[in-house]
Amino acid sequence: MNEKLKNSVLKSSRSLGNSIPVLAGVVLLVGLANTLVPKSIYTKIFSKNFLLDSVIGSGLGSILAGNPITSYVLGGEFLKEGISLVAVTSFLVAWVTVGLVQLPAESFLLGKRFAILRNAISFIFSIFVAIITAFLVGLI
């Protein structure tokens, strides 16, 4: 095996080994946050205000991070509870793209500046995407 390749494999293995505890902690925190917050509380939080609901939805989605597969089920349940489309959309987009729970791990692995900038941009765009989606669905 080439010496450069061998060194690269060793460095990558050490880096992966160092990041596993951080990633495991993130997964555990996300699961804990999703378990502790009952879904019925969301109907009390949203105000039926178009702009405010999108900001609240993005804020909650940023804190309670999740994955895209479960977002379809969660979004359907929220809509059945009477939560507005803009609130559900902003929540789910932020839930999948923004992750304050994962921020320490992301900062550690990718750099603090990048992690903060990526999360801030994702938060802002989750609001825009929700408003545009609700507007376009209203046209159909």
N, C-alpha and C. Protein backbone atom coordinates (compact mmCIF):
# COMPACT_ATOMS: atom_id res chain seq x y z
N MET A 1 0.85 -1.18 0.00
CA MET A 1 0.00 0.00 0.00
C MET A 1 0.90 1.25 0.00
N ASN A 2 0.51 2.20 -0.77
CA ASN A 2 1.24 3.45 -0.86
C ASN A 2 1.27 4.14 0.51
N GLU A 3 2.38 4.74 0.88
CA GLU A 3 2.55 5.37 2.20
C GLU A 3 1.57 6.54 2.40
N LYS A 4 1.34 7.33 1.37
CA LYS A 4 0.40 8.45 1.47
C LYS A 4 -1.02 7.94 1.70
N LEU A 5 -1.39 6.88 1.00
CA LEU A 5 -2.71 6.30 1.15
C LEU A 5 -2.89 5.73 2.56
N LYS A 6 -1.86 5.09 3.05
CA LYS A 6 -1.90 4.50 4.39
C LYS A 6 -2.08 5.59 5.45
N ASN A 7 -1.33 6.69 5.32
CA ASN A 7 -1.46 7.81 6.26
C ASN A 7 -2.85 8.45 6.18
N SER A 8 -3.36 8.57 4.98
CA SER A 8 -4.70 9.15 4.81
C SER A 8 -5.77 8.29 5.46
N VAL A 9 -5.66 6.99 5.29
CA VAL A 9 -6.63 6.07 5.89
C VAL A 9 -6.55 6.14 7.41
N LEU A 10 -5.35 6.20 7.96
CA LEU A 10 -5.18 6.30 9.42
C LEU A 10 -5.77 7.61 9.96
N LYS A 11 -5.48 8.72 9.29
CA LYS A 11 -6.01 10.01 9.73
C LYS A 11 -7.53 10.03 9.65
N SER A 12 -8.08 9.50 8.58
CA SER A 12 -9.53 9.46 8.43
C SER A 12 -10.17 8.58 9.49
N SER A 13 -9.54 7.46 9.79
CA SER A 13 -10.07 6.56 10.83
C SER A 13 -10.06 7.23 12.19
N ARG A 14 -8.99 7.92 12.52
CA ARG A 14 -8.92 8.64 13.81
C ARG A 14 -9.97 9.75 13.87
N SER A 15 -10.13 10.47 12.78
CA SER A 15 -11.12 11.55 12.74
C SER A 15 -12.53 11.00 12.92
N LEU A 16 -12.83 9.90 12.25
CA LEU A 16 -14.14 9.27 12.40
C LEU A 16 -14.34 8.77 13.82
N GLY A 17 -13.32 8.16 14.38
CA GLY A 17 -13.40 7.68 15.76
C GLY A 17 -13.63 8.80 16.76
N ASN A 18 -13.01 9.95 16.53
CA ASN A 18 -13.21 11.10 17.42
C ASN A 18 -14.59 11.72 17.28
N SER A 19 -15.19 11.61 16.11
CA SER A 19 -16.50 12.24 15.90
C SER A 19 -17.67 11.36 16.32
N ILE A 20 -17.47 10.06 16.47
CA ILE A 20 -18.57 9.16 16.83
C ILE A 20 -19.23 9.54 18.16
N PRO A 21 -18.49 9.83 19.23
CA PRO A 21 -19.17 10.22 20.48
C PRO A 21 -20.00 11.50 20.33
N VAL A 22 -19.50 12.44 19.56
CA VAL A 22 -20.24 13.69 19.35
C VAL A 22 -21.52 13.41 18.57
N LEU A 23 -21.43 12.61 17.52
CA LEU A 23 -22.60 12.28 16.72
C LEU A 23 -23.62 11.46 17.52
N ALA A 24 -23.15 10.56 18.36
CA ALA A 24 -24.06 9.77 19.21
C ALA A 24 -24.80 10.68 20.18
N GLY A 25 -24.11 11.65 20.74
CA GLY A 25 -24.76 12.62 21.63
C GLY A 25 -25.83 13.42 20.93
N VAL A 26 -25.57 13.82 19.70
CA VAL A 26 -26.55 14.58 18.92
C VAL A 26 -27.80 13.73 18.68
N VAL A 27 -27.60 12.49 18.28
CA VAL A 27 -28.74 11.61 18.02
C VAL A 27 -29.58 11.42 19.28
N LEU A 28 -28.93 11.25 20.40
CA LEU A 28 -29.65 11.08 21.67
C LEU A 28 -30.41 12.34 22.07
N LEU A 29 -29.81 13.52 21.88
CA LEU A 29 -30.49 14.77 22.20
C LEU A 29 -31.70 15.02 21.31
N VAL A 30 -31.58 14.71 20.04
CA VAL A 30 -32.71 14.88 19.12
C VAL A 30 -33.86 13.97 19.52
N GLY A 31 -33.56 12.72 19.82
CA GLY A 31 -34.60 11.78 20.26
C GLY A 31 -35.26 12.22 21.55
N LEU A 32 -34.48 12.73 22.48
CA LEU A 32 -35.02 13.20 23.75
C LEU A 32 -35.94 14.40 23.56
N ALA A 33 -35.51 15.34 22.75
CA ALA A 33 -36.33 16.54 22.50
C ALA A 33 -37.64 16.17 21.82
N ASN A 34 -37.61 15.27 20.86
CA ASN A 34 -38.83 14.87 20.16
C ASN A 34 -39.77 14.08 21.06
N THR A 35 -39.23 13.37 22.03
CA THR A 35 -40.05 12.59 22.95
C THR A 35 -40.67 13.46 24.04
N LEU A 36 -39.94 14.44 24.53
CA LEU A 36 -40.41 15.24 25.66
C LEU A 36 -41.49 16.26 25.29
N VAL A 37 -41.54 16.69 24.06
CA VAL A 37 -42.51 17.70 23.65
C VAL A 37 -43.71 17.01 23.00
N PRO A 38 -44.87 17.02 23.68
CA PRO A 38 -46.06 16.38 23.10
C PRO A 38 -46.55 17.16 21.87
N LYS A 39 -47.05 16.42 20.89
CA LYS A 39 -47.49 17.06 19.65
C LYS A 39 -48.73 17.94 19.82
N SER A 40 -49.53 17.69 20.85
CA SER A 40 -50.75 18.48 21.06
C SER A 40 -50.43 19.92 21.49
N ILE A 41 -49.25 20.17 21.98
CA ILE A 41 -48.90 21.52 22.43
C ILE A 41 -48.74 22.48 21.25
N TYR A 42 -48.46 21.94 20.08
CA TYR A 42 -48.24 22.80 18.93
C TYR A 42 -49.49 23.59 18.53
N THR A 43 -50.67 23.03 18.74
CA THR A 43 -51.90 23.76 18.39
C THR A 43 -52.08 24.98 19.28
N LYS A 44 -51.54 24.96 20.46
CA LYS A 44 -51.64 26.10 21.38
C LYS A 44 -50.61 27.18 21.05
N ILE A 45 -49.54 26.80 20.39
CA ILE A 45 -48.44 27.73 20.13
C ILE A 45 -48.71 28.62 18.92
N PHE A 46 -49.33 28.07 17.89
CA PHE A 46 -49.51 28.83 16.65
C PHE A 46 -50.71 29.76 16.76
N SER A 47 -50.58 30.97 16.18
CA SER A 47 -51.55 32.04 16.39
C SER A 47 -52.49 32.29 15.22
N LYS A 48 -52.37 31.56 14.14
CA LYS A 48 -53.14 31.77 12.91
C LYS A 48 -52.75 33.05 12.17
N ASN A 49 -51.63 33.66 12.56
CA ASN A 49 -51.07 34.81 11.87
C ASN A 49 -50.06 34.29 10.85
N PHE A 50 -50.24 34.66 9.59
CA PHE A 50 -49.45 34.11 8.49
C PHE A 50 -47.94 34.26 8.73
N LEU A 51 -47.47 35.47 9.00
CA LEU A 51 -46.04 35.72 9.16
C LEU A 51 -45.53 35.19 10.50
N LEU A 52 -46.28 35.43 11.56
CA LEU A 52 -45.86 34.98 12.88
C LEU A 52 -45.79 33.45 12.97
N ASP A 53 -46.76 32.77 12.36
CA ASP A 53 -46.75 31.30 12.36
C ASP A 53 -45.53 30.75 11.63
N SER A 54 -45.11 31.41 10.55
CA SER A 54 -43.93 30.92 9.84
C SER A 54 -42.67 31.10 10.68
N VAL A 55 -42.57 32.19 11.40
CA VAL A 55 -41.41 32.42 12.26
C VAL A 55 -41.42 31.45 13.45
N ILE A 56 -42.59 31.27 14.06
CA ILE A 56 -42.70 30.32 15.18
C ILE A 56 -42.41 28.90 14.70
N GLY A 57 -42.95 28.54 13.55
CA GLY A 57 -42.71 27.21 13.00
C GLY A 57 -41.24 26.97 12.72
N SER A 58 -40.58 27.95 12.15
CA SER A 58 -39.15 27.81 11.87
C SER A 58 -38.35 27.75 13.16
N GLY A 59 -38.75 28.52 14.15
CA GLY A 59 -38.05 28.49 15.43
C GLY A 59 -38.17 27.13 16.11
N LEU A 60 -39.38 26.60 16.13
CA LEU A 60 -39.58 25.27 16.74
C LEU A 60 -38.88 24.18 15.95
N GLY A 61 -38.96 24.26 14.64
CA GLY A 61 -38.29 23.27 13.81
C GLY A 61 -36.78 23.31 13.96
N SER A 62 -36.24 24.49 14.24
CA SER A 62 -34.80 24.62 14.44
C SER A 62 -34.36 23.93 15.72
N ILE A 63 -35.19 24.00 16.73
CA ILE A 63 -34.85 23.40 18.02
C ILE A 63 -35.08 21.90 18.00
N LEU A 64 -36.20 21.48 17.43
CA LEU A 64 -36.56 20.06 17.40
C LEU A 64 -36.18 19.47 16.05
N ALA A 65 -34.94 19.12 15.89
CA ALA A 65 -34.46 18.62 14.61
C ALA A 65 -34.98 17.22 14.34
N GLY A 66 -35.11 16.89 13.08
CA GLY A 66 -35.60 15.57 12.71
C GLY A 66 -35.13 15.17 11.34
N ASN A 67 -35.70 14.10 10.82
CA ASN A 67 -35.29 13.62 9.51
C ASN A 67 -36.46 13.71 8.53
N PRO A 68 -36.16 13.72 7.24
CA PRO A 68 -37.20 13.90 6.22
C PRO A 68 -38.27 12.81 6.20
N ILE A 69 -37.91 11.59 6.50
CA ILE A 69 -38.87 10.49 6.40
C ILE A 69 -40.03 10.67 7.38
N THR A 70 -39.72 11.02 8.61
CA THR A 70 -40.79 11.20 9.60
C THR A 70 -41.52 12.52 9.42
N SER A 71 -40.95 13.44 8.67
CA SER A 71 -41.60 14.74 8.50
C SER A 71 -42.93 14.64 7.76
N TYR A 72 -43.06 13.67 6.85
CA TYR A 72 -44.32 13.51 6.11
C TYR A 72 -45.46 13.14 7.05
N VAL A 73 -45.19 12.21 7.93
CA VAL A 73 -46.21 11.79 8.90
C VAL A 73 -46.53 12.94 9.85
N LEU A 74 -45.49 13.57 10.36
CA LEU A 74 -45.66 14.68 11.30
C LEU A 74 -46.43 15.83 10.67
N GLY A 75 -46.09 16.18 9.44
CA GLY A 75 -46.79 17.26 8.74
C GLY A 75 -48.26 16.96 8.55
N GLY A 76 -48.57 15.73 8.18
CA GLY A 76 -49.97 15.33 8.03
C GLY A 76 -50.74 15.42 9.34
N GLU A 77 -50.11 15.00 10.43
CA GLU A 77 -50.76 15.08 11.74
C GLU A 77 -51.00 16.53 12.16
N PHE A 78 -50.04 17.40 11.90
CA PHE A 78 -50.21 18.82 12.23
C PHE A 78 -51.35 19.44 11.43
N LEU A 79 -51.43 19.10 10.15
CA LEU A 79 -52.51 19.64 9.32
C LEU A 79 -53.87 19.14 9.81
N LYS A 80 -53.94 17.87 10.25
CA LYS A 80 -55.19 17.32 10.82
C LYS A 80 -55.58 18.04 12.10
N GLU A 81 -54.59 18.52 12.86
CA GLU A 81 -54.84 19.26 14.11
C GLU A 81 -55.33 20.69 13.85
N GLY A 82 -55.29 21.11 12.58
CA GLY A 82 -55.78 22.45 12.24
C GLY A 82 -54.69 23.51 12.18
N ILE A 83 -53.45 23.09 12.20
CA ILE A 83 -52.35 24.05 12.10
C ILE A 83 -52.22 24.47 10.64
N SER A 84 -51.95 25.75 10.42
CA SER A 84 -51.92 26.30 9.06
C SER A 84 -50.78 25.69 8.23
N LEU A 85 -50.97 25.72 6.92
CA LEU A 85 -49.97 25.17 6.01
C LEU A 85 -48.65 25.92 6.12
N VAL A 86 -48.69 27.23 6.28
CA VAL A 86 -47.45 28.00 6.39
C VAL A 86 -46.68 27.61 7.64
N ALA A 87 -47.39 27.37 8.74
CA ALA A 87 -46.73 26.96 9.99
C ALA A 87 -46.12 25.57 9.85
N VAL A 88 -46.88 24.66 9.27
CA VAL A 88 -46.40 23.29 9.09
C VAL A 88 -45.20 23.26 8.15
N THR A 89 -45.29 23.99 7.05
CA THR A 89 -44.19 24.01 6.09
C THR A 89 -42.92 24.60 6.69
N SER A 90 -43.05 25.73 7.38
CA SER A 90 -41.85 26.34 7.97
C SER A 90 -41.26 25.45 9.05
N PHE A 91 -42.12 24.81 9.83
CA PHE A 91 -41.64 23.89 10.86
C PHE A 91 -40.85 22.75 10.24
N LEU A 92 -41.41 22.12 9.22
CA LEU A 92 -40.78 20.95 8.63
C LEU A 92 -39.50 21.28 7.87
N VAL A 93 -39.50 22.40 7.16
CA VAL A 93 -38.28 22.79 6.43
C VAL A 93 -37.16 23.08 7.42
N ALA A 94 -37.47 23.81 8.48
CA ALA A 94 -36.45 24.10 9.50
C ALA A 94 -36.07 22.83 10.26
N TRP A 95 -37.04 21.97 10.49
CA TRP A 95 -36.83 20.72 11.23
C TRP A 95 -35.79 19.85 10.54
N VAL A 96 -35.81 19.89 9.20
CA VAL A 96 -34.90 19.05 8.43
C VAL A 96 -33.58 19.78 8.12
N THR A 97 -33.62 21.10 7.93
CA THR A 97 -32.43 21.81 7.46
C THR A 97 -31.66 22.54 8.55
N VAL A 98 -32.34 23.00 9.59
CA VAL A 98 -31.68 23.73 10.67
C VAL A 98 -31.58 22.80 11.86
N GLY A 99 -30.53 22.90 12.61
CA GLY A 99 -30.41 22.03 13.76
C GLY A 99 -29.61 22.67 14.88
N LEU A 100 -30.30 23.33 15.79
CA LEU A 100 -29.58 23.92 16.92
C LEU A 100 -29.04 22.84 17.84
N VAL A 101 -29.72 21.71 17.90
CA VAL A 101 -29.25 20.61 18.73
C VAL A 101 -27.94 20.07 18.16
N GLN A 102 -27.84 20.03 16.84
CA GLN A 102 -26.64 19.51 16.20
C GLN A 102 -25.54 20.55 16.04
N LEU A 103 -25.82 21.80 16.40
CA LEU A 103 -24.85 22.88 16.17
C LEU A 103 -23.48 22.61 16.80
N PRO A 104 -23.40 22.12 18.03
CA PRO A 104 -22.06 21.84 18.58
C PRO A 104 -21.29 20.80 17.76
N ALA A 105 -21.97 19.76 17.34
CA ALA A 105 -21.29 18.73 16.54
C ALA A 105 -20.90 19.29 15.18
N GLU A 106 -21.80 20.04 14.57
CA GLU A 106 -21.51 20.63 13.26
C GLU A 106 -20.35 21.62 13.36
N SER A 107 -20.32 22.42 14.43
CA SER A 107 -19.21 23.36 14.65
C SER A 107 -17.89 22.62 14.82
N PHE A 108 -17.95 21.54 15.56
CA PHE A 108 -16.75 20.74 15.81
C PHE A 108 -16.22 20.12 14.53
N LEU A 109 -17.13 19.59 13.71
CA LEU A 109 -16.71 18.87 12.52
C LEU A 109 -16.44 19.77 11.32
N LEU A 110 -17.21 20.85 11.18
CA LEU A 110 -17.12 21.67 9.96
C LEU A 110 -16.65 23.10 10.20
N GLY A 111 -16.51 23.50 11.44
CA GLY A 111 -16.09 24.85 11.76
C GLY A 111 -17.24 25.69 12.26
N LYS A 112 -16.96 26.52 13.26
CA LYS A 112 -18.00 27.33 13.92
C LYS A 112 -18.65 28.32 12.96
N ARG A 113 -17.85 29.04 12.21
CA ARG A 113 -18.38 30.07 11.30
C ARG A 113 -19.30 29.45 10.26
N PHE A 114 -18.86 28.36 9.66
CA PHE A 114 -19.67 27.68 8.65
C PHE A 114 -20.98 27.18 9.25
N ALA A 115 -20.92 26.56 10.42
CA ALA A 115 -22.11 25.98 11.04
C ALA A 115 -23.13 27.07 11.37
N ILE A 116 -22.68 28.16 11.93
CA ILE A 116 -23.61 29.24 12.30
C ILE A 116 -24.21 29.89 11.05
N LEU A 117 -23.38 30.15 10.06
CA LEU A 117 -23.86 30.76 8.82
C LEU A 117 -24.85 29.86 8.10
N ARG A 118 -24.55 28.58 8.01
CA ARG A 118 -25.44 27.63 7.34
C ARG A 118 -26.78 27.55 8.06
N ASN A 119 -26.77 27.49 9.37
CA ASN A 119 -28.02 27.41 10.12
C ASN A 119 -28.83 28.70 10.02
N ALA A 120 -28.18 29.83 10.06
CA ALA A 120 -28.89 31.12 9.93
C ALA A 120 -29.55 31.25 8.56
N ILE A 121 -28.81 30.91 7.52
CA ILE A 121 -29.37 30.99 6.16
C ILE A 121 -30.51 29.99 6.00
N SER A 122 -30.35 28.80 6.53
CA SER A 122 -31.41 27.79 6.45
C SER A 122 -32.66 28.24 7.19
N PHE A 123 -32.48 28.89 8.33
CA PHE A 123 -33.62 29.41 9.09
C PHE A 123 -34.39 30.44 8.28
N ILE A 124 -33.67 31.40 7.72
CA ILE A 124 -34.32 32.46 6.94
C ILE A 124 -35.03 31.88 5.72
N PHE A 125 -34.37 30.97 5.03
CA PHE A 125 -34.99 30.37 3.85
C PHE A 125 -36.17 29.47 4.19
N SER A 126 -36.19 28.89 5.39
CA SER A 126 -37.35 28.08 5.77
C SER A 126 -38.60 28.94 5.88
N ILE A 127 -38.45 30.17 6.30
CA ILE A 127 -39.58 31.11 6.37
C ILE A 127 -40.04 31.47 4.95
N PHE A 128 -39.09 31.80 4.09
CA PHE A 128 -39.43 32.15 2.70
C PHE A 128 -40.09 30.98 1.97
N VAL A 129 -39.54 29.79 2.13
CA VAL A 129 -40.10 28.61 1.47
C VAL A 129 -41.52 28.36 1.95
N ALA A 130 -41.77 28.52 3.24
CA ALA A 130 -43.11 28.30 3.78
C ALA A 130 -44.12 29.30 3.21
N ILE A 131 -43.73 30.54 3.17
CA ILE A 131 -44.64 31.58 2.66
C ILE A 131 -44.92 31.36 1.17
N ILE A 132 -43.89 31.08 0.40
CA ILE A 132 -44.07 30.84 -1.03
C ILE A 132 -44.91 29.59 -1.27
N THR A 133 -44.66 28.53 -0.51
CA THR A 133 -45.43 27.30 -0.65
C THR A 133 -46.91 27.53 -0.35
N ALA A 134 -47.19 28.18 0.77
CA ALA A 134 -48.58 28.45 1.13
C ALA A 134 -49.26 29.33 0.09
N PHE A 135 -48.53 30.30 -0.43
CA PHE A 135 -49.07 31.18 -1.47
C PHE A 135 -49.39 30.39 -2.74
N LEU A 136 -48.46 29.56 -3.18
CA LEU A 136 -48.67 28.79 -4.41
C LEU A 136 -49.78 27.74 -4.25
N VAL A 137 -49.85 27.11 -3.10
CA VAL A 137 -50.93 26.14 -2.88
C VAL A 137 -52.29 26.86 -2.85
N GLY A 138 -52.30 28.09 -2.34
CA GLY A 138 -53.53 28.86 -2.34
C GLY A 138 -53.98 29.23 -3.74
N LEU A 139 -53.07 29.30 -4.69
CA LEU A 139 -53.42 29.64 -6.07
C LEU A 139 -54.02 28.45 -6.81
N ILE A 140 -53.68 27.25 -6.37
CA ILE A 140 -54.13 26.05 -7.09
C ILE A 140 -55.56 25.72 -6.76
